Amino acid sequence: MKSLVFAISAVSALALPLTAFSQTDAAPTRAQVRAELQQLEQAGYDPAKGEDPNYPVDVQAAEARVSAANGATAYGGTSSGSSSSGSRATTRPASGDELRQIYFGGE
């Protein structure tokens, strides 16, 4: 029994490093990042603004201009949607009866 446990643990320990090689996505190179930043700057984005309250909107607008100039389709790229998950939005605190129903299974 001990030899079976030892064999299983040895095989799993030897197989664990193989999962590190399974990644296929390569990080962008420094030159690619610089080229993308230059494209955004040419499209009107200014990263030197500092504390800009319109930061996400400015970047998304510049990315949309760059993707339009590069002939991108509607697939991928930036999107202006939103998502939510979970339960319904609560507009008021729960009453005592509602709390009992939540915590004690609808008594």
N, C-alpha and C. Protein backbone atom coordinates (compact mmCIF):
# COMPACT_ATOMS: atom_id res chain seq x y z
N MET A 1 0.83 -1.19 0.00
CA MET A 1 0.00 0.00 0.00
C MET A 1 0.87 1.25 0.00
N LYS A 2 1.97 1.22 0.79
CA LYS A 2 2.85 2.38 0.83
C LYS A 2 3.54 2.58 -0.51
N SER A 3 3.88 1.50 -1.18
CA SER A 3 4.55 1.63 -2.47
C SER A 3 3.61 2.22 -3.52
N LEU A 4 2.31 1.93 -3.43
CA LEU A 4 1.33 2.49 -4.36
C LEU A 4 1.20 3.99 -4.14
N VAL A 5 1.13 4.41 -2.90
CA VAL A 5 1.03 5.83 -2.58
C VAL A 5 2.30 6.55 -3.03
N PHE A 6 3.45 5.92 -2.80
CA PHE A 6 4.72 6.51 -3.22
C PHE A 6 4.78 6.62 -4.74
N ALA A 7 4.32 5.62 -5.45
CA ALA A 7 4.35 5.64 -6.91
C ALA A 7 3.43 6.72 -7.46
N ILE A 8 2.25 6.85 -6.90
CA ILE A 8 1.30 7.87 -7.35
C ILE A 8 1.85 9.26 -7.09
N SER A 9 2.43 9.46 -5.91
CA SER A 9 2.98 10.79 -5.60
C SER A 9 4.19 11.10 -6.47
N ALA A 10 5.00 10.11 -6.79
CA ALA A 10 6.17 10.34 -7.64
C ALA A 10 5.73 10.68 -9.06
N VAL A 11 4.73 9.99 -9.60
CA VAL A 11 4.26 10.27 -10.95
C VAL A 11 3.64 11.66 -11.01
N SER A 12 2.86 12.03 -10.00
CA SER A 12 2.24 13.35 -10.02
C SER A 12 3.28 14.45 -9.86
N ALA A 13 4.32 14.21 -9.07
CA ALA A 13 5.38 15.20 -8.90
C ALA A 13 6.18 15.37 -10.18
N LEU A 14 6.36 14.30 -10.92
CA LEU A 14 7.10 14.39 -12.17
C LEU A 14 6.25 14.98 -13.29
N ALA A 15 4.95 14.81 -13.24
CA ALA A 15 4.07 15.34 -14.28
C ALA A 15 3.73 16.80 -14.06
N LEU A 16 3.90 17.31 -12.87
CA LEU A 16 3.54 18.69 -12.56
C LEU A 16 4.33 19.70 -13.38
N PRO A 17 5.64 19.59 -13.54
CA PRO A 17 6.35 20.59 -14.34
C PRO A 17 5.94 20.61 -15.81
N LEU A 18 5.36 19.56 -16.33
CA LEU A 18 4.93 19.55 -17.72
C LEU A 18 3.81 20.53 -17.99
N THR A 19 3.02 20.84 -16.97
CA THR A 19 1.93 21.79 -17.16
C THR A 19 2.46 23.20 -17.38
N ALA A 20 3.67 23.50 -16.96
CA ALA A 20 4.23 24.82 -17.17
C ALA A 20 4.53 25.07 -18.64
N PHE A 21 4.73 24.03 -19.43
CA PHE A 21 5.04 24.19 -20.84
C PHE A 21 3.80 24.24 -21.71
N SER A 22 2.62 24.13 -21.12
CA SER A 22 1.41 24.06 -21.93
C SER A 22 0.89 25.42 -22.36
N GLN A 23 1.50 26.51 -21.92
CA GLN A 23 1.04 27.83 -22.31
C GLN A 23 1.50 28.14 -23.72
N THR A 24 0.57 28.60 -24.55
CA THR A 24 0.91 28.91 -25.92
C THR A 24 0.86 30.41 -26.20
N ASP A 25 0.22 31.19 -25.34
CA ASP A 25 0.13 32.63 -25.56
C ASP A 25 1.46 33.28 -25.23
N ALA A 26 1.98 34.03 -26.18
CA ALA A 26 3.23 34.73 -25.97
C ALA A 26 2.92 36.18 -25.61
N ALA A 27 3.65 36.71 -24.67
CA ALA A 27 3.47 38.10 -24.28
C ALA A 27 3.98 39.00 -25.40
N PRO A 28 3.38 40.17 -25.58
CA PRO A 28 3.86 41.06 -26.64
C PRO A 28 5.27 41.56 -26.32
N THR A 29 6.03 41.78 -27.35
CA THR A 29 7.38 42.28 -27.16
C THR A 29 7.35 43.76 -26.88
N ARG A 30 8.47 44.29 -26.44
CA ARG A 30 8.56 45.71 -26.14
C ARG A 30 8.34 46.54 -27.41
N ALA A 31 8.83 46.06 -28.53
CA ALA A 31 8.65 46.78 -29.79
C ALA A 31 7.17 46.81 -30.20
N GLN A 32 6.44 45.72 -29.95
CA GLN A 32 5.02 45.69 -30.28
C GLN A 32 4.24 46.68 -29.41
N VAL A 33 4.59 46.75 -28.14
CA VAL A 33 3.90 47.67 -27.23
C VAL A 33 4.17 49.11 -27.64
N ARG A 34 5.42 49.41 -27.98
CA ARG A 34 5.76 50.77 -28.42
C ARG A 34 5.03 51.13 -29.71
N ALA A 35 4.93 50.19 -30.64
CA ALA A 35 4.23 50.45 -31.89
C ALA A 35 2.74 50.72 -31.64
N GLU A 36 2.14 49.96 -30.74
CA GLU A 36 0.72 50.18 -30.41
C GLU A 36 0.53 51.53 -29.74
N LEU A 37 1.45 51.92 -28.86
CA LEU A 37 1.35 53.22 -28.20
C LEU A 37 1.51 54.35 -29.21
N GLN A 38 2.40 54.20 -30.17
CA GLN A 38 2.55 55.22 -31.20
C GLN A 38 1.29 55.34 -32.05
N GLN A 39 0.66 54.22 -32.36
CA GLN A 39 -0.60 54.26 -33.11
C GLN A 39 -1.68 54.99 -32.32
N LEU A 40 -1.75 54.72 -31.00
CA LEU A 40 -2.75 55.39 -30.17
C LEU A 40 -2.48 56.89 -30.08
N GLU A 41 -1.21 57.26 -29.97
CA GLU A 41 -0.87 58.68 -29.91
C GLU A 41 -1.22 59.37 -31.22
N GLN A 42 -1.00 58.71 -32.36
CA GLN A 42 -1.34 59.29 -33.65
C GLN A 42 -2.85 59.40 -33.82
N ALA A 43 -3.60 58.56 -33.11
CA ALA A 43 -5.06 58.60 -33.18
C ALA A 43 -5.66 59.62 -32.22
N GLY A 44 -4.80 60.31 -31.45
CA GLY A 44 -5.31 61.37 -30.58
C GLY A 44 -5.21 61.12 -29.10
N TYR A 45 -4.67 60.00 -28.67
CA TYR A 45 -4.53 59.72 -27.24
C TYR A 45 -3.25 60.36 -26.73
N ASP A 46 -3.34 61.04 -25.59
CA ASP A 46 -2.17 61.68 -24.99
C ASP A 46 -1.92 61.06 -23.62
N PRO A 47 -0.91 60.19 -23.49
CA PRO A 47 -0.66 59.55 -22.19
C PRO A 47 -0.03 60.49 -21.18
N ALA A 48 0.39 61.68 -21.58
CA ALA A 48 1.06 62.62 -20.67
C ALA A 48 0.08 63.53 -19.94
N LYS A 49 -1.21 63.27 -20.04
CA LYS A 49 -2.19 64.13 -19.38
C LYS A 49 -2.16 64.00 -17.87
N GLY A 50 -1.64 62.93 -17.35
CA GLY A 50 -1.60 62.75 -15.89
C GLY A 50 -2.90 62.20 -15.37
N GLU A 51 -3.41 62.82 -14.32
CA GLU A 51 -4.67 62.38 -13.70
C GLU A 51 -5.84 62.85 -14.54
N ASP A 52 -6.19 62.08 -15.54
CA ASP A 52 -7.26 62.43 -16.45
C ASP A 52 -8.54 61.70 -16.06
N PRO A 53 -9.61 62.41 -15.73
CA PRO A 53 -10.85 61.73 -15.36
C PRO A 53 -11.52 61.04 -16.55
N ASN A 54 -11.13 61.38 -17.77
CA ASN A 54 -11.71 60.77 -18.97
C ASN A 54 -10.82 59.68 -19.53
N TYR A 55 -9.92 59.13 -18.72
CA TYR A 55 -8.93 58.17 -19.21
C TYR A 55 -9.53 57.00 -19.98
N PRO A 56 -10.48 56.25 -19.44
CA PRO A 56 -10.95 55.09 -20.20
C PRO A 56 -11.63 55.49 -21.51
N VAL A 57 -12.36 56.58 -21.50
CA VAL A 57 -13.08 57.01 -22.70
C VAL A 57 -12.09 57.43 -23.78
N ASP A 58 -11.04 58.17 -23.39
CA ASP A 58 -10.05 58.63 -24.36
C ASP A 58 -9.32 57.45 -25.01
N VAL A 59 -8.91 56.49 -24.21
CA VAL A 59 -8.19 55.34 -24.74
C VAL A 59 -9.10 54.51 -25.65
N GLN A 60 -10.32 54.28 -25.22
CA GLN A 60 -11.24 53.49 -26.03
C GLN A 60 -11.56 54.18 -27.35
N ALA A 61 -11.68 55.51 -27.33
CA ALA A 61 -11.94 56.23 -28.57
C ALA A 61 -10.74 56.13 -29.51
N ALA A 62 -9.53 56.26 -28.96
CA ALA A 62 -8.33 56.13 -29.78
C ALA A 62 -8.19 54.72 -30.33
N GLU A 63 -8.48 53.71 -29.51
CA GLU A 63 -8.42 52.33 -29.98
C GLU A 63 -9.44 52.07 -31.08
N ALA A 64 -10.61 52.67 -30.96
CA ALA A 64 -11.63 52.51 -32.00
C ALA A 64 -11.16 53.14 -33.31
N ARG A 65 -10.50 54.33 -33.22
CA ARG A 65 -9.98 54.97 -34.43
C ARG A 65 -8.88 54.14 -35.07
N VAL A 66 -8.00 53.57 -34.24
CA VAL A 66 -6.91 52.75 -34.75
C VAL A 66 -7.46 51.49 -35.42
N SER A 67 -8.43 50.84 -34.78
CA SER A 67 -8.98 49.62 -35.36
C SER A 67 -9.76 49.92 -36.64
N ALA A 68 -10.41 51.08 -36.71
CA ALA A 68 -11.10 51.46 -37.93
C ALA A 68 -10.10 51.75 -39.04
N ALA A 69 -8.98 52.36 -38.69
CA ALA A 69 -7.96 52.66 -39.69
C ALA A 69 -7.27 51.39 -40.18
N ASN A 70 -7.18 50.38 -39.32
CA ASN A 70 -6.54 49.12 -39.70
C ASN A 70 -7.50 48.17 -40.39
N GLY A 71 -8.75 48.58 -40.57
CA GLY A 71 -9.72 47.74 -41.25
C GLY A 71 -10.24 46.60 -40.39
N ALA A 72 -10.33 46.81 -39.09
CA ALA A 72 -10.82 45.76 -38.19
C ALA A 72 -12.32 45.60 -38.37
N THR A 73 -12.79 44.39 -38.17
CA THR A 73 -14.22 44.11 -38.24
C THR A 73 -14.83 44.26 -36.86
N ALA A 74 -16.07 43.90 -36.73
CA ALA A 74 -16.77 44.02 -35.46
C ALA A 74 -16.38 42.94 -34.48
N TYR A 75 -15.54 42.02 -34.90
CA TYR A 75 -15.14 40.94 -34.01
C TYR A 75 -13.91 41.36 -33.22
N GLY A 76 -13.96 41.18 -31.91
CA GLY A 76 -12.81 41.51 -31.06
C GLY A 76 -12.68 43.01 -30.89
N GLY A 77 -11.54 43.44 -30.39
CA GLY A 77 -11.30 44.87 -30.20
C GLY A 77 -12.02 45.40 -28.99
N THR A 78 -12.27 46.68 -28.99
CA THR A 78 -12.91 47.31 -27.85
C THR A 78 -14.42 47.20 -27.95
N SER A 79 -15.06 47.20 -26.84
CA SER A 79 -16.51 47.18 -26.81
C SER A 79 -16.98 48.18 -25.77
N SER A 80 -18.16 48.70 -25.97
CA SER A 80 -18.68 49.69 -25.04
C SER A 80 -19.85 49.14 -24.25
N GLY A 81 -19.89 47.84 -24.05
CA GLY A 81 -20.99 47.22 -23.32
C GLY A 81 -20.69 47.09 -21.84
N SER A 82 -21.58 46.48 -21.16
CA SER A 82 -21.38 46.21 -19.74
C SER A 82 -22.00 44.85 -19.43
N SER A 83 -21.63 44.32 -18.30
CA SER A 83 -22.20 43.05 -17.90
C SER A 83 -22.43 43.06 -16.41
N SER A 84 -23.32 42.21 -15.99
CA SER A 84 -23.58 42.08 -14.56
C SER A 84 -23.98 40.64 -14.30
N SER A 85 -23.74 40.22 -13.09
CA SER A 85 -24.12 38.87 -12.72
C SER A 85 -24.56 38.87 -11.28
N GLY A 86 -25.11 37.79 -10.85
CA GLY A 86 -25.56 37.69 -9.47
C GLY A 86 -27.06 37.86 -9.38
N SER A 87 -27.51 38.23 -8.21
CA SER A 87 -28.94 38.36 -7.98
C SER A 87 -29.43 39.74 -8.41
N ARG A 88 -30.72 39.93 -8.28
CA ARG A 88 -31.31 41.19 -8.69
C ARG A 88 -30.81 42.33 -7.81
N ALA A 89 -30.86 43.52 -8.34
CA ALA A 89 -30.39 44.70 -7.61
C ALA A 89 -31.38 45.02 -6.49
N THR A 90 -30.86 45.32 -5.33
CA THR A 90 -31.69 45.67 -4.19
C THR A 90 -31.74 47.17 -4.06
N THR A 91 -32.95 47.72 -3.99
CA THR A 91 -33.08 49.16 -3.88
C THR A 91 -33.40 49.60 -2.46
N ARG A 92 -33.66 48.64 -1.60
CA ARG A 92 -33.95 48.97 -0.20
C ARG A 92 -33.40 47.84 0.68
N PRO A 93 -33.19 48.12 1.95
CA PRO A 93 -32.73 47.04 2.83
C PRO A 93 -33.81 45.96 2.98
N ALA A 94 -33.38 44.74 3.19
CA ALA A 94 -34.32 43.64 3.35
C ALA A 94 -35.03 43.74 4.69
N SER A 95 -36.30 43.35 4.70
CA SER A 95 -37.07 43.36 5.93
C SER A 95 -36.73 42.12 6.76
N GLY A 96 -37.24 42.07 7.95
CA GLY A 96 -36.99 40.92 8.82
C GLY A 96 -37.52 39.63 8.23
N ASP A 97 -38.71 39.67 7.63
CA ASP A 97 -39.26 38.48 6.99
C ASP A 97 -38.40 38.02 5.82
N GLU A 98 -37.92 38.98 5.03
CA GLU A 98 -37.07 38.62 3.90
C GLU A 98 -35.75 38.04 4.36
N LEU A 99 -35.18 38.56 5.43
CA LEU A 99 -33.94 38.02 5.96
C LEU A 99 -34.13 36.60 6.47
N ARG A 100 -35.26 36.34 7.15
CA ARG A 100 -35.54 34.98 7.62
C ARG A 100 -35.69 34.03 6.43
N GLN A 101 -36.31 34.50 5.36
CA GLN A 101 -36.48 33.68 4.20
C GLN A 101 -35.12 33.36 3.55
N ILE A 102 -34.24 34.33 3.54
CA ILE A 102 -32.92 34.12 2.94
C ILE A 102 -32.10 33.16 3.80
N TYR A 103 -32.03 33.41 5.10
CA TYR A 103 -31.11 32.67 5.95
C TYR A 103 -31.68 31.36 6.50
N PHE A 104 -32.99 31.24 6.56
CA PHE A 104 -33.57 30.04 7.16
C PHE A 104 -34.40 29.24 6.19
N GLY A 105 -34.24 29.46 4.90
CA GLY A 105 -34.85 28.60 3.90
C GLY A 105 -36.32 28.82 3.65
N GLY A 106 -36.81 30.03 3.77
CA GLY A 106 -38.19 30.33 3.39
C GLY A 106 -39.22 29.84 4.36
N GLU A 107 -38.97 29.93 5.66
CA GLU A 107 -39.96 29.50 6.66
C GLU A 107 -41.15 30.39 6.69
